[in-house]
């Protein structure tokens, strides 16, 4: 017994498979970059950005004694997916909690 499918059905199956693969890739990349995952458990504090806030001042508040504020700024940018130091009121930032 052979099953015959049309070219249109093959295209539908192929496109559905590609779409499913893209969804799975997206979900895995989002979960890998989530700052609340187990690999980033010390990044549980949050800060709601208000007018006048700067990334530098926020980093100053959470920088441990003896640590370099520049490093903390870069860490905050990386953990929050920021490509610049620009932050806007209403934005929620994940910060190191300890």
C-alpha atoms as a PDB file:
ATOM      1  CA  UNK A   1       0.000   0.000   0.000  1.00  0.00           C
ATOM      2  CA  UNK A   2       1.467   3.325  -1.016  1.00  0.00           C
ATOM      3  CA  UNK A   3       0.307   6.728   0.068  1.00  0.00           C
ATOM      4  CA  UNK A   4       0.424   9.395  -2.556  1.00  0.00           C
ATOM      5  CA  UNK A   5       0.551  13.063  -1.587  1.00  0.00           C
ATOM      6  CA  UNK A   6       0.388  16.047  -3.833  1.00  0.00           C
ATOM      7  CA  UNK A   7       3.115  18.627  -4.273  1.00  0.00           C
ATOM      8  CA  UNK A   8       0.967  21.135  -2.375  1.00  0.00           C
ATOM      9  CA  UNK A   9       0.700  18.758   0.591  1.00  0.00           C
ATOM     10  CA  UNK A  10       4.489  18.284   0.598  1.00  0.00           C
ATOM     11  CA  UNK A  11       4.979  22.049   0.661  1.00  0.00           C
ATOM     12  CA  UNK A  12       2.537  22.394   3.556  1.00  0.00           C
ATOM     13  CA  UNK A  13       4.364  19.690   5.532  1.00  0.00           C
ATOM     14  CA  UNK A  14       7.732  21.308   4.806  1.00  0.00           C
ATOM     15  CA  UNK A  15       6.587  24.802   5.793  1.00  0.00           C
ATOM     16  CA  UNK A  16       4.949  23.493   8.950  1.00  0.00           C
ATOM     17  CA  UNK A  17       8.176  21.719   9.911  1.00  0.00           C
ATOM     18  CA  UNK A  18      10.231  24.860   9.304  1.00  0.00           C
ATOM     19  CA  UNK A  19       7.799  26.975  11.326  1.00  0.00           C
ATOM     20  CA  UNK A  20       7.926  24.515  14.211  1.00  0.00           C
ATOM     21  CA  UNK A  21      11.728  24.494  14.145  1.00  0.00           C
ATOM     22  CA  UNK A  22      11.801  28.310  14.229  1.00  0.00           C
ATOM     23  CA  UNK A  23       9.383  28.426  17.169  1.00  0.00           C
ATOM     24  CA  UNK A  24      11.489  25.926  19.106  1.00  0.00           C
ATOM     25  CA  UNK A  25      14.652  27.896  18.328  1.00  0.00           C
ATOM     26  CA  UNK A  26      13.029  31.130  19.466  1.00  0.00           C
ATOM     27  CA  UNK A  27      11.739  29.601  22.712  1.00  0.00           C
ATOM     28  CA  UNK A  28      15.129  28.113  23.542  1.00  0.00           C
ATOM     29  CA  UNK A  29      16.940  31.408  22.847  1.00  0.00           C
ATOM     30  CA  UNK A  30      14.485  33.401  24.969  1.00  0.00           C
ATOM     31  CA  UNK A  31      14.754  30.995  27.886  1.00  0.00           C
ATOM     32  CA  UNK A  32      18.561  30.960  27.587  1.00  0.00           C
ATOM     33  CA  UNK A  33      18.736  34.758  27.847  1.00  0.00           C
ATOM     34  CA  UNK A  34      16.221  35.053  30.702  1.00  0.00           C
ATOM     35  CA  UNK A  35      18.024  36.803  33.563  1.00  0.00           C
ATOM     36  CA  UNK A  36      15.842  35.010  36.095  1.00  0.00           C
ATOM     37  CA  UNK A  37      16.996  31.522  35.088  1.00  0.00           C
ATOM     38  CA  UNK A  38      19.071  29.289  37.378  1.00  0.00           C
ATOM     39  CA  UNK A  39      22.359  30.470  35.878  1.00  0.00           C
ATOM     40  CA  UNK A  40      21.642  34.038  36.908  1.00  0.00           C
ATOM     41  CA  UNK A  41      20.015  33.532  40.307  1.00  0.00           C
ATOM     42  CA  UNK A  42      21.897  36.485  41.795  1.00  0.00           C
ATOM     43  CA  UNK A  43      20.095  38.827  39.345  1.00  0.00           C
ATOM     44  CA  UNK A  44      16.714  38.803  41.073  1.00  0.00           C
ATOM     45  CA  UNK A  45      16.477  42.467  42.132  1.00  0.00           C
ATOM     46  CA  UNK A  46      14.608  44.818  39.826  1.00  0.00           C
ATOM     47  CA  UNK A  47      14.594  48.559  39.310  1.00  0.00           C
ATOM     48  CA  UNK A  48      11.797  50.551  37.686  1.00  0.00           C
ATOM     49  CA  UNK A  49      13.426  53.339  35.692  1.00  0.00           C
ATOM     50  CA  UNK A  50      12.036  56.825  36.417  1.00  0.00           C
ATOM     51  CA  UNK A  51      12.765  60.140  34.730  1.00  0.00           C
ATOM     52  CA  UNK A  52      16.310  61.303  35.471  1.00  0.00           C
ATOM     53  CA  UNK A  53      17.701  57.815  36.168  1.00  0.00           C
ATOM     54  CA  UNK A  54      20.970  56.908  34.518  1.00  0.00           C
ATOM     55  CA  UNK A  55      22.483  53.478  34.159  1.00  0.00           C
ATOM     56  CA  UNK A  56      25.618  54.765  35.912  1.00  0.00           C
ATOM     57  CA  UNK A  57      23.686  55.951  39.004  1.00  0.00           C
ATOM     58  CA  UNK A  58      21.716  52.707  39.179  1.00  0.00           C
ATOM     59  CA  UNK A  59      24.954  50.718  38.950  1.00  0.00           C
ATOM     60  CA  UNK A  60      26.523  52.869  41.682  1.00  0.00           C
ATOM     61  CA  UNK A  61      23.720  51.841  44.046  1.00  0.00           C
ATOM     62  CA  UNK A  62      24.383  48.115  43.548  1.00  0.00           C
ATOM     63  CA  UNK A  63      28.167  48.092  43.137  1.00  0.00           C
ATOM     64  CA  UNK A  64      29.903  46.310  45.991  1.00  0.00           C
ATOM     65  CA  UNK A  65      32.723  48.070  47.772  1.00  0.00           C
ATOM     66  CA  UNK A  66      35.939  47.701  45.810  1.00  0.00           C
ATOM     67  CA  UNK A  67      34.191  46.702  42.561  1.00  0.00           C
ATOM     68  CA  UNK A  68      34.431  48.763  39.377  1.00  0.00           C
ATOM     69  CA  UNK A  69      31.185  50.565  38.498  1.00  0.00           C
ATOM     70  CA  UNK A  70      32.040  50.313  34.786  1.00  0.00           C
ATOM     71  CA  UNK A  71      32.003  46.525  35.055  1.00  0.00           C
ATOM     72  CA  UNK A  72      28.631  46.591  36.815  1.00  0.00           C
ATOM     73  CA  UNK A  73      27.201  48.891  34.110  1.00  0.00           C
ATOM     74  CA  UNK A  74      28.339  46.451  31.417  1.00  0.00           C
ATOM     75  CA  UNK A  75      26.942  43.487  33.378  1.00  0.00           C
ATOM     76  CA  UNK A  76      23.566  45.228  33.767  1.00  0.00           C
ATOM     77  CA  UNK A  77      23.507  45.993  30.042  1.00  0.00           C
ATOM     78  CA  UNK A  78      24.352  42.381  29.154  1.00  0.00           C
ATOM     79  CA  UNK A  79      21.826  40.805  31.548  1.00  0.00           C
ATOM     80  CA  UNK A  80      19.057  43.108  30.313  1.00  0.00           C
ATOM     81  CA  UNK A  81      19.844  42.773  26.606  1.00  0.00           C
ATOM     82  CA  UNK A  82      20.780  46.453  26.244  1.00  0.00           C
ATOM     83  CA  UNK A  83      22.992  47.497  23.344  1.00  0.00           C
ATOM     84  CA  UNK A  84      23.580  50.993  24.743  1.00  0.00           C
ATOM     85  CA  UNK A  85      23.349  52.810  28.063  1.00  0.00           C
ATOM     86  CA  UNK A  86      20.066  54.423  27.059  1.00  0.00           C
ATOM     87  CA  UNK A  87      17.247  53.646  29.479  1.00  0.00           C
ATOM     88  CA  UNK A  88      13.712  55.047  29.495  1.00  0.00           C
ATOM     89  CA  UNK A  89      11.136  55.714  32.230  1.00  0.00           C
ATOM     90  CA  UNK A  90       8.909  52.699  32.816  1.00  0.00           C
ATOM     91  CA  UNK A  91      11.616  50.214  31.830  1.00  0.00           C
ATOM     92  CA  UNK A  92      12.292  47.437  34.352  1.00  0.00           C
ATOM     93  CA  UNK A  93      15.918  46.427  34.803  1.00  0.00           C
ATOM     94  CA  UNK A  94      17.215  43.259  36.431  1.00  0.00           C
ATOM     95  CA  UNK A  95      19.999  44.030  38.892  1.00  0.00           C
ATOM     96  CA  UNK A  96      22.398  41.944  40.938  1.00  0.00           C
ATOM     97  CA  UNK A  97      20.756  41.279  44.285  1.00  0.00           C
ATOM     98  CA  UNK A  98      23.866  40.602  46.266  1.00  0.00           C
END
